[in-house]
């Protein structure tokens, strides 16, 4: 079952770590992969312009 996505921030093609959003831990990048398509925490921080704490 292929479910690759393309990150809207970096353009990288990747497969989400969890097959279903409901399987991913709440508040994790793994849920965001299903909701927004962002591939990693680094891309999430870059996309939002934060995360430097």
C-alpha atoms as a PDB file:
ATOM      1  CA  UNK A   1       0.000   0.000   0.000  1.00  0.00           C
ATOM      2  CA  UNK A   2       1.725   3.154  -1.181  1.00  0.00           C
ATOM      3  CA  UNK A   3       0.644   6.403   0.401  1.00  0.00           C
ATOM      4  CA  UNK A   4       3.436   8.783  -0.444  1.00  0.00           C
ATOM      5  CA  UNK A   5       2.955  12.512  -0.033  1.00  0.00           C
ATOM      6  CA  UNK A   6       4.886  15.561  -1.180  1.00  0.00           C
ATOM      7  CA  UNK A   7       5.829  18.115   1.460  1.00  0.00           C
ATOM      8  CA  UNK A   8       4.482  21.567   0.526  1.00  0.00           C
ATOM      9  CA  UNK A   9       7.500  23.193   2.185  1.00  0.00           C
ATOM     10  CA  UNK A  10      10.530  21.324   0.804  1.00  0.00           C
ATOM     11  CA  UNK A  11       8.996  19.299  -2.039  1.00  0.00           C
ATOM     12  CA  UNK A  12      10.353  15.995  -0.685  1.00  0.00           C
ATOM     13  CA  UNK A  13       8.294  12.892  -1.431  1.00  0.00           C
ATOM     14  CA  UNK A  14       7.867  10.718   1.658  1.00  0.00           C
ATOM     15  CA  UNK A  15       5.628   8.094   3.220  1.00  0.00           C
ATOM     16  CA  UNK A  16       3.983   8.967   6.538  1.00  0.00           C
ATOM     17  CA  UNK A  17       5.276   6.906   9.457  1.00  0.00           C
ATOM     18  CA  UNK A  18       1.750   5.793  10.418  1.00  0.00           C
ATOM     19  CA  UNK A  19      -0.747   4.466   7.887  1.00  0.00           C
ATOM     20  CA  UNK A  20      -3.663   6.294   9.522  1.00  0.00           C
ATOM     21  CA  UNK A  21      -3.843   9.674  11.248  1.00  0.00           C
ATOM     22  CA  UNK A  22      -5.654   8.036  14.191  1.00  0.00           C
ATOM     23  CA  UNK A  23      -2.661   5.701  14.762  1.00  0.00           C
ATOM     24  CA  UNK A  24      -0.223   8.588  15.180  1.00  0.00           C
ATOM     25  CA  UNK A  25       0.365  10.126  18.639  1.00  0.00           C
ATOM     26  CA  UNK A  26      -1.614  13.324  19.259  1.00  0.00           C
ATOM     27  CA  UNK A  27       0.426  16.498  18.848  1.00  0.00           C
ATOM     28  CA  UNK A  28       3.148  14.763  16.865  1.00  0.00           C
ATOM     29  CA  UNK A  29       4.565  15.542  13.428  1.00  0.00           C
ATOM     30  CA  UNK A  30       3.199  12.132  12.435  1.00  0.00           C
ATOM     31  CA  UNK A  31      -0.366  13.480  12.738  1.00  0.00           C
ATOM     32  CA  UNK A  32       0.659  16.615  10.863  1.00  0.00           C
ATOM     33  CA  UNK A  33       1.886  14.434   8.013  1.00  0.00           C
ATOM     34  CA  UNK A  34      -1.741  13.408   7.450  1.00  0.00           C
ATOM     35  CA  UNK A  35      -3.271  16.816   8.149  1.00  0.00           C
ATOM     36  CA  UNK A  36      -0.926  19.232   6.383  1.00  0.00           C
ATOM     37  CA  UNK A  37       1.492  17.077   4.403  1.00  0.00           C
ATOM     38  CA  UNK A  38       4.528  18.593   6.155  1.00  0.00           C
ATOM     39  CA  UNK A  39       7.274  15.940   6.242  1.00  0.00           C
ATOM     40  CA  UNK A  40       9.258  16.807   9.388  1.00  0.00           C
ATOM     41  CA  UNK A  41       9.538  19.028  12.445  1.00  0.00           C
ATOM     42  CA  UNK A  42      12.208  21.035  10.629  1.00  0.00           C
ATOM     43  CA  UNK A  43       9.867  21.759   7.727  1.00  0.00           C
ATOM     44  CA  UNK A  44       7.014  22.492  10.135  1.00  0.00           C
ATOM     45  CA  UNK A  45       9.156  25.074  11.968  1.00  0.00           C
ATOM     46  CA  UNK A  46      10.372  26.590   8.703  1.00  0.00           C
ATOM     47  CA  UNK A  47       6.814  26.666   7.307  1.00  0.00           C
ATOM     48  CA  UNK A  48       5.563  28.535  10.388  1.00  0.00           C
ATOM     49  CA  UNK A  49       8.736  30.553  10.904  1.00  0.00           C
ATOM     50  CA  UNK A  50       9.337  29.402  14.465  1.00  0.00           C
ATOM     51  CA  UNK A  51      10.718  26.630  16.600  1.00  0.00           C
ATOM     52  CA  UNK A  52      14.015  28.211  17.610  1.00  0.00           C
ATOM     53  CA  UNK A  53      13.442  27.955  21.350  1.00  0.00           C
END
